[in-house]
Amino acid sequence: MYSRIISAALIGVGATMVNVEVDVSSGLPSFSMVGCPGNEVRESKERVISALKNTGLSVPIAKITVNLSPADLHKEGTAYDLPVAIGLLTASGAIPVSCADGILFIGELGLNGEIKPVRGVLPIVSSAAKSGIKECIVPAENASEGAVIPGINVRGASDILTLTKYLRDKNSAPIPVQTIDINALFNAPENSIDEQPDFCDVSGQETAKRASMISAAGFHSMLMTGPPGVGKSLIAKRIPSILPPLSLEESLEVTAIHSVAGKLPKDSPLITSRHIEAPHHSITRAALLGGGKTPKPGAVSLAHRSVLFLDEFTEFDRNNIDSLRQPLEDHAVNISRANYVVSYPSDFLLICAMNPCPCGYYPDRNRCRCTEPVIQKYLKKISGPILDRIDLCVEMSRVPLKDIKASSSGLTSSEMRDRVAAAREIQKKRYAGTAYRFNSEISGTDIEKYCLTDKSVKEFTENLYDKLSLSLRSYHRILRVARTIADLEGSGLILQKHILEAVSFRPNFDYWKGL
């Protein structure tokens, strides 16, 4: 007897429908799976047979063939256990074939019949809704995640025995539809951005705070350099608090990435606020960019729409650092395999922090004993092309005791966020109908169009170009940063003071002269 069950395969942060076809026929007892299954999928045979036997459900002694269609699409993961089990039960006549019509099934089976959670439920349910499917049965732990998608009934099943009773008689053994008010969830008080660490807790370091606000307003990457304990990490962790809140569309986008990565918190079916992703410097390239035997999003994608913070920047493998160039440019990571390519979005704000030398105290020669060659070798871990993609470089020093004791700590995160939001609104209007969103994205060909100055400021900037021996890329970077500074002040024209402040955030090339 033949049956067909609907399931799905993850492709990047999306999904495509897969038909799990099961045929039970006479012949020598066997169980074969075809349709380009991966290792985890092939292993589902053992999990399914054990789960059915241990829950008292009959497994036919017959020739069993399972085909995963389309057959040329590579299938990975454990989510096919449940549809294979349901297909086997319907094909053998244990439950009516019609009971699974129009229902999508996903879930991993334990040997005791438990239905275990799987990753990627949100994008799978979203794709199912777009395909016209009206009902999904998912693991109970994933039900609230799937229920975020409107227009489709999502039911959470805890074990295969309960599920078969429901399929046999949906009225006598109901599995309720999981319901979530997505707007109420998105606007819940506990999701308030004001709950995040506040910039007013940071004593001194006004230049670094100012740079953080410029970075957030124009989406400029930033590098903080200074000795240990001056507040580099303290400031980085507060940058998400000055970014505008996520929109509902962005929230769903970010949640889908975390769902595919298996990083979605159990008690939070929707990610509603921007966060900071801070991988350790020992991270592998696959964990940073994404990939692996079964591809998953990396740290750069988990930081999508948020902040990627690389502390101890020079301790990262140089090849890993250089691999950030493509995600910074394209806002996406493409992972190629022999038969397919997956793409993960990675539109993040890069914030880096590092010590100025191996001991951390250069140029304080009372404490630093590093030789010049040692310092230059240390700095060469940061390549010129990566440094060229960092718009703001801030050198931080020890905070005087009087600043620590001062009662006023400058602007609060709320006040900074208001100014950032106003500057972003200016950019939104300016770049309406173009490919640009932020000042940091302006191409060299459009610099003159969007970075408007008067004649005297233009002459001043051209003189700086000659006096500082700037490259064209550095010159454009200064203008982009100056454009953001002007936006923060609500100025349509870039003034001389904006140019000078932008120049102050250039890398100190006396220090980086080895590059």
Protein backbone atom coordinates (compact mmCIF):
# COMPACT_ATOMS: atom_id res chain seq x y z
CA MET A 1 0.00 0.00 0.00
CA TYR A 2 1.19 3.52 -0.77
CA SER A 3 0.94 6.78 1.20
CA ARG A 4 2.33 10.30 0.85
CA ILE A 5 3.08 12.63 3.77
CA ILE A 6 4.04 16.32 3.50
CA SER A 7 7.22 17.49 5.22
CA ALA A 8 9.86 20.14 4.48
CA ALA A 9 13.58 20.67 3.95
CA LEU A 10 15.49 23.68 5.23
CA ILE A 11 17.40 25.67 2.61
CA GLY A 12 19.29 28.54 4.19
CA VAL A 13 16.72 30.46 6.24
CA GLY A 14 13.85 29.24 4.07
CA ALA A 15 12.28 25.86 3.37
CA THR A 16 10.87 23.86 0.50
CA MET A 17 8.13 21.25 0.66
CA VAL A 18 9.16 17.57 0.57
CA ASN A 19 6.86 14.61 -0.07
CA VAL A 20 7.67 11.57 2.05
CA GLU A 21 6.40 8.65 -0.03
CA VAL A 22 6.09 5.27 1.68
CA ASP A 23 5.34 1.99 -0.06
CA VAL A 24 4.64 -1.22 1.89
CA SER A 25 4.54 -4.28 -0.36
CA SER A 26 4.99 -8.03 -0.28
CA GLY A 27 8.48 -9.42 -0.62
CA LEU A 28 11.53 -10.05 1.51
CA PRO A 29 11.41 -7.85 4.65
CA SER A 30 13.57 -4.75 4.14
CA PHE A 31 13.59 -1.03 4.81
CA SER A 32 15.24 1.20 2.20
CA MET A 33 15.35 4.99 1.90
CA VAL A 34 16.00 6.85 -1.35
CA GLY A 35 15.82 10.47 -2.44
CA CYS A 36 19.28 11.84 -1.55
CA PRO A 37 19.08 11.33 2.25
CA GLY A 38 21.93 12.45 4.51
CA ASN A 39 23.37 10.32 7.31
CA GLU A 40 20.90 11.56 9.96
CA VAL A 41 18.01 10.84 7.60
CA ARG A 42 19.22 7.31 6.88
CA GLU A 43 19.44 6.69 10.63
CA SER A 44 15.76 7.58 11.02
CA LYS A 45 14.92 4.01 9.97
CA GLU A 46 16.22 2.67 13.31
CA ARG A 47 14.59 5.43 15.36
CA VAL A 48 11.20 5.03 13.67
CA ILE A 49 11.05 1.22 14.00
CA SER A 50 12.13 1.32 17.66
CA ALA A 51 9.73 4.15 18.52
CA LEU A 52 6.75 2.36 16.96
CA LYS A 53 7.55 -0.97 18.62
CA ASN A 54 8.12 0.60 22.06
CA THR A 55 4.76 2.37 21.95
CA GLY A 56 2.82 -0.74 20.97
CA LEU A 57 2.24 0.25 17.36
CA SER A 58 2.68 -2.47 14.77
CA VAL A 59 5.50 -2.42 12.26
CA PRO A 60 4.70 -4.46 9.15
CA ILE A 61 7.01 -7.30 8.23
CA ALA A 62 7.25 -6.42 4.55
CA LYS A 63 9.31 -4.67 1.92
CA ILE A 64 9.27 -0.97 2.91
CA THR A 65 10.49 1.74 0.55
CA VAL A 66 10.67 5.40 1.54
CA ASN A 67 11.26 8.05 -1.12
CA LEU A 68 11.94 11.69 -0.26
CA SER A 69 10.77 13.79 -3.19
CA PRO A 70 12.16 15.81 -4.95
CA ALA A 71 14.86 13.18 -5.12
CA ASP A 72 17.63 15.54 -6.31
CA LEU A 73 17.39 17.75 -3.19
CA HIS A 74 19.81 16.80 -0.42
CA LYS A 75 17.95 16.00 2.85
CA GLU A 76 19.62 16.50 6.22
CA GLY A 77 18.62 16.51 9.88
CA THR A 78 16.29 14.48 12.08
CA ALA A 79 13.00 16.24 11.29
CA TYR A 80 11.96 13.49 8.84
CA ASP A 81 11.47 10.91 11.62
CA LEU A 82 7.86 11.88 12.28
CA PRO A 83 6.65 12.04 8.64
CA VAL A 84 8.34 8.69 7.91
CA ALA A 85 6.60 7.13 10.93
CA ILE A 86 3.20 8.54 9.93
CA GLY A 87 3.76 7.42 6.34
CA LEU A 88 4.60 3.91 7.52
CA LEU A 89 1.46 3.76 9.71
CA THR A 90 -0.83 4.99 6.92
CA ALA A 91 0.73 2.75 4.27
CA SER A 92 0.36 -0.31 6.51
CA GLY A 93 -3.28 0.50 7.33
CA ALA A 94 -2.69 1.17 11.05
CA ILE A 95 -4.34 4.58 10.61
CA PRO A 96 -6.51 5.86 7.72
CA VAL A 97 -4.58 7.27 4.74
CA SER A 98 -6.90 10.28 4.51
CA CYS A 99 -6.24 11.40 8.10
CA ALA A 100 -2.90 13.01 7.10
CA ASP A 101 -4.17 14.81 3.99
CA GLY A 102 -3.06 18.43 3.79
CA ILE A 103 -1.05 18.26 7.03
CA LEU A 104 2.69 18.95 7.27
CA PHE A 105 4.65 16.84 9.79
CA ILE A 106 8.10 17.50 11.24
CA GLY A 107 9.80 16.13 14.33
CA GLU A 108 12.49 13.83 15.68
CA LEU A 109 11.50 10.59 17.40
CA GLY A 110 13.03 9.19 20.55
CA LEU A 111 13.21 5.41 20.95
CA ASN A 112 10.37 5.64 23.51
CA GLY A 113 8.08 7.38 21.02
CA GLU A 114 8.70 10.89 22.33
CA ILE A 115 8.57 13.64 19.69
CA LYS A 116 11.65 15.79 20.23
CA PRO A 117 12.18 19.41 19.11
CA VAL A 118 13.96 20.22 15.87
CA ARG A 119 15.50 23.36 14.43
CA GLY A 120 13.99 25.57 11.75
CA VAL A 121 10.31 25.21 12.68
CA LEU A 122 9.49 28.90 12.09
CA PRO A 123 10.75 29.10 8.46
CA ILE A 124 9.20 25.69 7.73
CA VAL A 125 5.77 26.76 9.01
CA SER A 126 6.12 30.07 7.15
CA SER A 127 6.88 28.25 3.88
CA ALA A 128 3.99 25.86 4.51
CA ALA A 129 1.57 28.77 4.95
CA LYS A 130 2.78 30.31 1.69
CA SER A 131 2.27 26.95 -0.05
CA GLY A 132 -1.38 26.85 0.99
CA ILE A 133 -1.04 24.19 3.70
CA LYS A 134 -3.59 24.77 6.47
CA GLU A 135 -2.19 22.65 9.31
CA CYS A 136 1.20 21.68 10.71
CA ILE A 137 1.99 19.12 13.40
CA VAL A 138 5.29 19.86 15.11
CA PRO A 139 7.02 18.84 18.37
CA ALA A 140 5.24 20.27 21.43
CA GLU A 141 8.35 22.28 22.40
CA ASN A 142 8.33 23.98 18.98
CA ALA A 143 4.59 24.72 18.87
CA SER A 144 4.78 28.30 20.17
CA GLU A 145 7.57 29.05 17.67
CA GLY A 146 5.46 27.82 14.75
CA ALA A 147 2.34 29.59 16.03
CA VAL A 148 4.02 32.95 15.44
CA ILE A 149 3.11 32.56 11.73
CA PRO A 150 -0.49 33.68 11.05
CA GLY A 151 -2.94 31.92 8.73
CA ILE A 152 -2.05 28.31 9.59
CA ASN A 153 -3.05 25.93 12.40
CA VAL A 154 -0.07 24.65 14.38
CA ARG A 155 -0.50 21.72 16.78
CA GLY A 156 2.21 20.49 19.14
CA ALA A 157 2.46 16.72 19.69
CA SER A 158 4.47 15.28 22.57
CA ASP A 159 4.58 11.60 21.52
CA ILE A 160 3.71 9.36 18.60
CA LEU A 161 1.00 7.41 20.47
CA THR A 162 -0.98 10.57 21.33
CA LEU A 163 -0.60 11.75 17.76
CA THR A 164 -1.93 8.50 16.24
CA LYS A 165 -4.97 8.65 18.53
CA TYR A 166 -5.61 12.18 17.29
CA LEU A 167 -5.27 11.17 13.64
CA ARG A 168 -7.65 8.24 14.08
CA ASP A 169 -10.33 10.36 15.76
CA LYS A 170 -9.70 14.09 15.88
CA ASN A 171 -12.76 14.74 18.01
CA SER A 172 -12.25 12.21 20.81
CA ALA A 173 -8.50 12.81 21.24
CA PRO A 174 -7.92 16.44 20.20
CA ILE A 175 -4.53 18.15 20.07
CA PRO A 176 -5.33 21.85 20.49
CA VAL A 177 -4.16 24.49 18.05
CA GLN A 178 -1.39 26.62 19.54
CA THR A 179 -2.40 30.28 19.50
CA ILE A 180 -0.20 33.34 19.97
CA ASP A 181 -1.06 37.01 19.60
CA ILE A 182 2.08 38.08 17.76
CA ASN A 183 1.41 41.81 18.20
CA ALA A 184 0.91 41.40 21.95
CA LEU A 185 4.06 39.26 22.13
CA PHE A 186 6.07 41.77 20.11
CA ASN A 187 4.90 44.73 22.23
CA ALA A 188 5.17 42.99 25.62
CA PRO A 189 6.59 45.25 28.40
CA GLU A 190 9.42 42.82 29.14
CA ASN A 191 10.74 43.41 25.62
CA SER A 192 11.39 47.08 26.36
CA ILE A 193 14.73 48.31 25.09
CA ASP A 194 15.12 50.31 28.31
CA GLU A 195 15.86 47.04 30.14
CA GLN A 196 19.28 46.85 28.44
CA PRO A 197 22.51 48.21 30.01
CA ASP A 198 22.64 52.01 29.88
CA PHE A 199 25.42 54.31 28.67
CA CYS A 200 24.91 56.53 31.72
CA ASP A 201 26.63 53.79 33.75
CA VAL A 202 29.90 54.44 31.88
CA SER A 203 32.13 57.01 33.59
CA GLY A 204 34.23 59.21 31.32
CA GLN A 205 35.22 57.99 27.82
CA GLU A 206 33.08 60.68 26.17
CA THR A 207 34.93 60.30 22.85
CA ALA A 208 34.16 56.59 22.71
CA LYS A 209 30.50 57.27 23.60
CA ARG A 210 30.32 59.88 20.84
CA ALA A 211 31.87 57.42 18.38
CA SER A 212 29.33 54.78 19.44
CA MET A 213 26.47 57.14 18.65
CA ILE A 214 27.97 57.97 15.22
CA SER A 215 28.49 54.27 14.57
CA ALA A 216 24.87 53.43 15.42
CA ALA A 217 23.47 56.36 13.43
CA GLY A 218 25.28 55.68 10.16
CA PHE A 219 25.95 51.94 10.60
CA HIS A 220 29.71 52.55 10.66
CA SER A 221 32.00 49.79 11.91
CA MET A 222 34.14 50.81 14.89
CA LEU A 223 37.43 49.74 16.47
CA MET A 224 38.32 50.65 20.07
CA THR A 225 41.98 50.45 21.10
CA GLY A 226 43.25 50.85 24.64
CA PRO A 227 44.81 49.17 27.68
CA PRO A 228 42.89 46.61 29.74
CA GLY A 229 40.14 47.91 31.99
CA VAL A 230 39.38 51.23 30.25
CA GLY A 231 35.80 50.22 29.34
CA LYS A 232 35.99 48.88 25.78
CA SER A 233 33.73 45.89 26.47
CA LEU A 234 31.52 48.00 28.74
CA ILE A 235 30.78 50.39 25.87
CA ALA A 236 30.36 47.66 23.23
CA LYS A 237 27.73 45.87 25.32
CA ARG A 238 25.67 49.07 25.48
CA ILE A 239 25.58 49.80 21.75
CA PRO A 240 22.43 47.67 21.16
CA SER A 241 20.61 49.95 23.62
CA ILE A 242 21.02 52.97 21.33
CA LEU A 243 19.94 51.20 18.13
CA PRO A 244 16.31 51.77 17.07
CA PRO A 245 13.97 48.89 18.01
CA LEU A 246 13.47 46.00 15.60
CA SER A 247 10.41 46.19 13.38
CA LEU A 248 8.09 43.17 13.39
CA GLU A 249 9.39 42.17 9.96
CA GLU A 250 13.01 42.36 11.18
CA SER A 251 12.06 40.45 14.33
CA LEU A 252 10.65 37.55 12.29
CA GLU A 253 13.75 37.61 10.07
CA VAL A 254 16.12 37.42 13.05
CA THR A 255 13.99 34.76 14.77
CA ALA A 256 14.10 32.59 11.63
CA ILE A 257 17.93 32.67 11.64
CA HIS A 258 18.10 31.67 15.30
CA SER A 259 15.51 28.97 14.69
CA VAL A 260 17.55 27.47 11.83
CA ALA A 261 20.68 27.60 14.01
CA GLY A 262 18.85 25.90 16.90
CA LYS A 263 19.61 28.91 19.11
CA LEU A 264 16.08 30.12 19.79
CA PRO A 265 15.39 30.31 23.56
CA LYS A 266 12.73 27.85 24.73
CA ASP A 267 10.80 30.54 26.58
CA SER A 268 10.95 33.09 23.76
CA PRO A 269 9.31 32.16 20.42
CA LEU A 270 10.08 35.62 19.01
CA ILE A 271 13.28 37.70 19.24
CA THR A 272 12.07 41.26 19.73
CA SER A 273 15.19 43.26 20.57
CA ARG A 274 18.63 43.82 19.13
CA HIS A 275 21.43 42.00 20.87
CA ILE A 276 25.18 41.61 20.84
CA GLU A 277 26.86 38.50 19.45
CA ALA A 278 30.32 38.17 21.01
CA PRO A 279 32.18 35.01 19.91
CA HIS A 280 35.41 33.96 21.63
CA HIS A 281 38.61 34.58 19.70
CA SER A 282 39.21 30.82 19.41
CA ILE A 283 36.14 30.47 17.13
CA THR A 284 36.56 28.44 13.95
CA ARG A 285 35.78 29.86 10.52
CA ALA A 286 32.72 27.61 10.15
CA ALA A 287 31.35 28.84 13.49
CA LEU A 288 32.07 32.47 12.56
CA LEU A 289 30.73 32.50 9.00
CA GLY A 290 28.46 29.45 9.05
CA GLY A 291 28.85 26.04 7.47
CA GLY A 292 29.84 22.67 8.83
CA LYS A 293 28.89 19.19 7.69
CA THR A 294 25.23 20.15 8.06
CA PRO A 295 25.31 23.89 7.26
CA LYS A 296 24.12 26.23 9.99
CA PRO A 297 24.28 30.02 10.36
CA GLY A 298 27.45 31.36 11.98
CA ALA A 299 28.05 34.23 14.40
CA VAL A 300 27.89 36.83 11.62
CA SER A 301 24.35 35.69 10.76
CA LEU A 302 23.26 35.36 14.39
CA ALA A 303 24.29 39.05 14.68
CA HIS A 304 22.00 39.99 11.76
CA ARG A 305 20.28 43.35 12.42
CA SER A 306 22.32 43.60 15.61
CA VAL A 307 25.93 43.94 16.80
CA LEU A 308 28.88 41.61 16.18
CA PHE A 309 31.46 42.33 18.88
CA LEU A 310 34.96 40.93 18.41
CA ASP A 311 36.84 41.45 21.66
CA GLU A 312 40.60 40.88 21.69
CA PHE A 313 40.46 41.47 17.94
CA THR A 314 44.11 40.63 17.29
CA GLU A 315 43.76 37.26 19.01
CA PHE A 316 41.40 36.03 16.29
CA ASP A 317 42.96 33.99 13.51
CA ARG A 318 44.00 36.37 10.74
CA ASN A 319 42.30 34.27 8.07
CA ASN A 320 39.07 34.42 10.07
CA ILE A 321 39.35 38.20 10.34
CA ASP A 322 39.94 38.56 6.60
CA SER A 323 36.96 36.31 5.87
CA LEU A 324 34.72 39.07 7.27
CA ARG A 325 35.36 41.19 4.18
CA GLN A 326 32.71 39.49 2.04
CA PRO A 327 29.89 39.58 4.67
CA LEU A 328 30.68 43.24 5.36
CA GLU A 329 30.36 44.06 1.67
CA ASP A 330 27.46 41.79 0.64
CA HIS A 331 25.50 41.54 3.93
CA ALA A 332 25.15 37.81 3.25
CA VAL A 333 27.17 34.59 3.52
CA ASN A 334 26.99 32.03 0.71
CA ILE A 335 28.03 28.48 1.59
CA SER A 336 28.70 26.23 -1.38
CA ARG A 337 28.45 22.47 -1.37
CA ALA A 338 28.86 20.02 -4.25
CA ASN A 339 25.15 19.91 -5.11
CA TYR A 340 23.70 23.05 -3.56
CA VAL A 341 24.33 26.53 -2.18
CA VAL A 342 22.78 28.03 0.95
CA SER A 343 22.71 31.71 1.80
CA TYR A 344 22.42 33.28 5.25
CA PRO A 345 21.84 37.03 5.78
CA SER A 346 24.54 38.84 7.77
CA ASP A 347 23.73 42.55 7.95
CA PHE A 348 25.51 43.38 11.22
CA LEU A 349 27.23 46.33 12.89
CA LEU A 350 30.87 45.37 13.47
CA ILE A 351 32.39 46.56 16.76
CA CYS A 352 35.95 45.52 17.63
CA ALA A 353 38.17 46.02 20.66
CA MET A 354 41.86 45.34 21.11
CA ASN A 355 44.89 46.12 23.23
CA PRO A 356 47.58 48.30 21.63
CA CYS A 357 50.29 45.67 22.13
CA PRO A 358 50.70 42.13 23.54
CA CYS A 359 51.08 43.37 27.13
CA GLY A 360 48.32 45.95 26.60
CA TYR A 361 49.99 49.16 27.82
CA TYR A 362 51.70 50.75 24.80
CA PRO A 363 52.55 53.69 24.48
CA ASP A 364 53.01 53.94 28.29
CA ARG A 365 56.68 53.01 28.40
CA ASN A 366 56.59 53.01 32.22
CA ARG A 367 54.52 49.84 32.00
CA CYS A 368 55.00 48.53 28.44
CA ARG A 369 58.14 46.51 27.73
CA CYS A 370 57.17 45.36 24.22
CA THR A 371 59.76 46.00 21.53
CA GLU A 372 58.85 47.73 18.27
CA PRO A 373 59.10 44.52 16.17
CA VAL A 374 56.85 42.69 18.66
CA ILE A 375 54.25 45.45 18.47
CA GLN A 376 54.33 45.51 14.67
CA LYS A 377 53.98 41.72 14.46
CA TYR A 378 51.01 42.00 16.81
CA LEU A 379 49.35 44.68 14.68
CA LYS A 380 49.92 42.86 11.41
CA LYS A 381 47.21 40.42 12.43
CA ILE A 382 44.84 43.19 11.31
CA SER A 383 45.24 43.44 7.55
CA GLY A 384 45.02 46.70 5.63
CA PRO A 385 41.83 45.69 3.75
CA ILE A 386 40.01 45.00 7.03
CA LEU A 387 41.25 48.22 8.64
CA ASP A 388 40.06 50.02 5.50
CA ARG A 389 36.53 48.75 6.18
CA ILE A 390 36.47 50.16 9.72
CA ASP A 391 35.16 53.72 9.61
CA LEU A 392 35.78 54.75 13.22
CA CYS A 393 38.95 54.14 15.21
CA VAL A 394 38.91 55.27 18.85
CA GLU A 395 41.97 55.30 21.08
CA MET A 396 40.95 55.00 24.73
CA SER A 397 43.03 55.67 27.84
CA ARG A 398 42.69 55.28 31.58
CA VAL A 399 39.82 57.30 33.07
CA PRO A 400 40.91 59.93 35.67
CA LEU A 401 39.55 59.36 39.16
CA LYS A 402 37.67 62.68 39.09
CA ASP A 403 35.65 61.48 36.08
CA ILE A 404 34.80 58.22 37.83
CA LYS A 405 33.53 60.10 40.87
CA ALA A 406 31.59 62.64 38.81
CA SER A 407 27.83 62.50 39.43
CA SER A 408 26.97 63.16 35.77
CA SER A 409 27.87 60.54 33.20
CA GLY A 410 26.72 62.28 30.05
CA LEU A 411 23.84 61.20 27.83
CA THR A 412 21.68 58.23 28.70
CA SER A 413 21.03 55.42 26.21
CA SER A 414 17.49 56.71 25.74
CA GLU A 415 18.72 60.20 24.82
CA MET A 416 21.36 58.79 22.47
CA ARG A 417 18.81 56.45 20.88
CA ASP A 418 16.48 59.37 20.14
CA ARG A 419 19.29 61.20 18.34
CA VAL A 420 20.27 58.04 16.44
CA ALA A 421 16.66 57.48 15.39
CA ALA A 422 16.37 61.08 14.15
CA ALA A 423 19.58 60.72 12.09
CA ARG A 424 18.36 57.44 10.62
CA GLU A 425 15.05 59.02 9.66
CA ILE A 426 16.98 61.70 7.74
CA GLN A 427 18.90 58.94 5.91
CA LYS A 428 15.69 57.04 5.18
CA LYS A 429 14.22 60.08 3.42
CA ARG A 430 17.48 60.91 1.66
CA TYR A 431 17.98 57.44 0.21
CA ALA A 432 14.33 56.65 -0.56
CA GLY A 433 14.17 54.87 -3.91
CA THR A 434 17.89 54.03 -3.92
CA ALA A 435 19.88 50.94 -2.93
CA TYR A 436 21.33 52.78 0.07
CA ARG A 437 20.01 52.69 3.64
CA PHE A 438 22.84 54.26 5.65
CA ASN A 439 25.62 56.76 5.06
CA SER A 440 28.22 54.01 5.43
CA GLU A 441 26.94 52.44 2.19
CA ILE A 442 27.41 55.41 -0.13
CA SER A 443 29.57 54.41 -3.10
CA GLY A 444 32.45 56.55 -4.26
CA THR A 445 30.56 57.59 -7.38
CA ASP A 446 27.73 59.10 -5.28
CA ILE A 447 29.82 60.79 -2.61
CA GLU A 448 29.58 64.21 -4.22
CA LYS A 449 25.82 63.80 -4.67
CA TYR A 450 24.97 63.06 -1.04
CA CYS A 451 27.84 64.63 0.94
CA LEU A 452 26.97 68.26 0.22
CA THR A 453 29.25 71.07 1.42
CA ASP A 454 29.74 74.72 0.61
CA LYS A 455 32.69 75.97 -1.43
CA SER A 456 34.95 76.85 1.51
CA VAL A 457 34.46 73.46 3.20
CA LYS A 458 35.11 71.68 -0.07
CA GLU A 459 38.41 73.55 -0.49
CA PHE A 460 39.30 72.78 3.15
CA THR A 461 38.62 69.06 2.61
CA GLU A 462 40.67 68.98 -0.59
CA ASN A 463 43.59 70.60 1.27
CA LEU A 464 43.31 67.89 3.96
CA TYR A 465 43.48 65.27 1.21
CA ASP A 466 46.89 66.62 0.16
CA LYS A 467 48.28 67.45 3.63
CA LEU A 468 47.38 64.09 5.14
CA SER A 469 48.32 62.16 1.98
CA LEU A 470 44.95 60.41 2.05
CA SER A 471 44.01 57.59 -0.24
CA LEU A 472 40.77 58.02 -2.17
CA ARG A 473 39.11 55.36 0.01
CA SER A 474 40.16 57.18 3.20
CA TYR A 475 38.90 60.46 1.78
CA HIS A 476 35.50 58.94 1.02
CA ARG A 477 35.37 57.36 4.47
CA ILE A 478 35.90 60.74 6.11
CA LEU A 479 33.08 62.23 4.06
CA ARG A 480 30.69 59.38 4.95
CA VAL A 481 31.40 59.77 8.65
CA ALA A 482 31.08 63.57 8.37
CA ARG A 483 27.71 63.06 6.66
CA THR A 484 26.51 61.06 9.67
CA ILE A 485 27.83 63.65 12.13
CA ALA A 486 25.95 66.35 10.22
CA ASP A 487 22.78 64.23 10.30
CA LEU A 488 23.09 63.85 14.08
CA GLU A 489 23.09 67.64 14.31
CA GLY A 490 20.29 68.02 11.78
CA SER A 491 22.48 69.87 9.30
CA GLY A 492 21.80 69.49 5.59
CA LEU A 493 25.34 70.62 4.72
CA ILE A 494 28.58 69.11 5.98
CA LEU A 495 30.42 71.84 7.87
CA GLN A 496 34.10 72.19 8.62
CA LYS A 497 33.65 71.04 12.23
CA HIS A 498 32.02 67.86 10.96
CA ILE A 499 35.00 67.15 8.71
CA LEU A 500 37.47 67.75 11.56
CA GLU A 501 35.59 65.42 13.90
CA ALA A 502 35.49 62.75 11.20
CA VAL A 503 39.25 63.11 10.66
CA SER A 504 39.82 62.59 14.40
CA PHE A 505 38.38 59.07 14.07
CA ARG A 506 40.92 58.00 11.44
CA PRO A 507 43.40 55.29 12.46
CA ASN A 508 46.62 56.68 13.92
CA PHE A 509 48.95 55.70 11.12
CA ASP A 510 52.03 56.43 13.24
CA TYR A 511 50.80 53.48 15.27
CA TRP A 512 49.63 51.35 12.33
CA LYS A 513 52.68 52.16 10.18
CA GLY A 514 53.58 48.49 9.86
CA LEU A 515 50.51 47.84 7.72
